[in-house]
Amino acid sequence: MPTVAREGEFEFIVHTRELPFEPPHVHVRFGGQEVRIELRGGTFMKKPPAGKKAAILEAYHKHAVQIRETWDRIHKR
């Protein structure tokens, strides 16, 4: 599961093994927590911790193209 990008406290990870029915997404790890962002719409798959949403999305948007290219290359979708 390669780390695609780091931005501040956030680490963006694309897992190499995902279930076929899951949409393209990236795992975002920070401070012992993790959320997932769906790549087609750039939305959270579950509610992020209070006070983190804007910072996570800002960091995500800086690396969104690279993250999606990595997902597509790994999962051939």
Protein backbone atom coordinates (compact mmCIF):
# COMPACT_ATOMS: atom_id res chain seq x y z
CA MET A 1 0.00 0.00 0.00
CA PRO A 2 2.00 2.92 -1.29
CA THR A 3 1.93 6.35 0.21
CA VAL A 4 1.05 8.62 -2.69
CA ALA A 5 1.50 11.97 -0.96
CA ARG A 6 2.13 13.68 2.35
CA GLU A 7 0.84 17.10 3.24
CA GLY A 8 1.39 18.34 6.76
CA GLU A 9 0.03 15.73 9.14
CA PHE A 10 -1.86 13.89 6.38
CA GLU A 11 -0.62 10.79 4.59
CA PHE A 12 -2.52 9.70 1.47
CA ILE A 13 -2.41 5.96 0.82
CA VAL A 14 -3.79 3.83 -2.01
CA HIS A 15 -4.17 0.20 -0.97
CA THR A 16 -3.09 -2.33 -3.57
CA ARG A 17 -5.83 -4.78 -2.62
CA GLU A 18 -9.36 -3.44 -2.53
CA LEU A 19 -12.68 -5.18 -2.93
CA PRO A 20 -14.00 -5.00 -6.51
CA PHE A 21 -17.26 -3.30 -5.50
CA GLU A 22 -15.55 -0.41 -3.70
CA PRO A 23 -15.36 2.89 -5.55
CA PRO A 24 -11.98 4.47 -6.25
CA HIS A 25 -10.81 6.04 -2.98
CA VAL A 26 -7.79 7.10 -0.97
CA HIS A 27 -7.06 6.43 2.69
CA VAL A 28 -5.97 9.51 4.65
CA ARG A 29 -4.05 8.81 7.87
CA PHE A 30 -3.31 11.38 10.55
CA GLY A 31 -2.81 11.38 14.29
CA GLY A 32 -3.68 7.69 14.68
CA GLN A 33 -6.95 8.15 12.73
CA GLU A 34 -8.01 7.37 9.19
CA VAL A 35 -10.72 8.53 6.80
CA ARG A 36 -11.38 7.67 3.17
CA ILE A 37 -12.12 10.04 0.31
CA GLU A 38 -14.03 8.82 -2.74
CA LEU A 39 -12.08 9.94 -5.81
CA ARG A 40 -14.92 10.51 -8.27
CA GLY A 41 -16.49 13.28 -6.22
CA GLY A 42 -13.80 14.14 -3.69
CA THR A 43 -16.20 13.44 -0.84
CA PHE A 44 -15.68 11.63 2.44
CA MET A 45 -16.95 8.08 2.62
CA LYS A 46 -17.63 8.57 6.35
CA LYS A 47 -17.76 11.74 8.40
CA PRO A 48 -14.28 13.06 9.28
CA PRO A 49 -13.35 14.07 12.83
CA ALA A 50 -14.58 17.46 13.98
CA GLY A 51 -12.36 20.32 12.90
CA LYS A 52 -10.41 18.31 10.29
CA LYS A 53 -12.66 18.34 7.23
CA ALA A 54 -11.40 21.57 5.62
CA ALA A 55 -7.72 20.81 6.24
CA ILE A 56 -8.02 17.28 4.85
CA LEU A 57 -9.82 18.47 1.72
CA GLU A 58 -7.32 21.27 1.16
CA ALA A 59 -4.45 18.79 1.38
CA TYR A 60 -6.31 16.28 -0.81
CA HIS A 61 -6.96 18.80 -3.59
CA LYS A 62 -3.24 19.60 -3.82
CA HIS A 63 -2.54 15.97 -4.72
CA ALA A 64 -5.84 14.81 -6.27
CA VAL A 65 -4.48 14.23 -9.78
CA GLN A 66 -1.50 12.22 -8.55
CA ILE A 67 -3.72 10.18 -6.21
CA ARG A 68 -6.19 9.33 -8.99
CA GLU A 69 -3.40 8.41 -11.42
CA THR A 70 -1.93 6.08 -8.81
CA TRP A 71 -5.31 4.46 -8.12
CA ASP A 72 -5.92 3.90 -11.83
CA ARG A 73 -2.44 2.46 -12.39
CA ILE A 74 -2.72 0.04 -9.45
CA HIS A 75 -6.32 -1.04 -10.01
CA LYS A 76 -6.38 -0.70 -13.80
CA ARG A 77 -9.75 1.05 -13.80
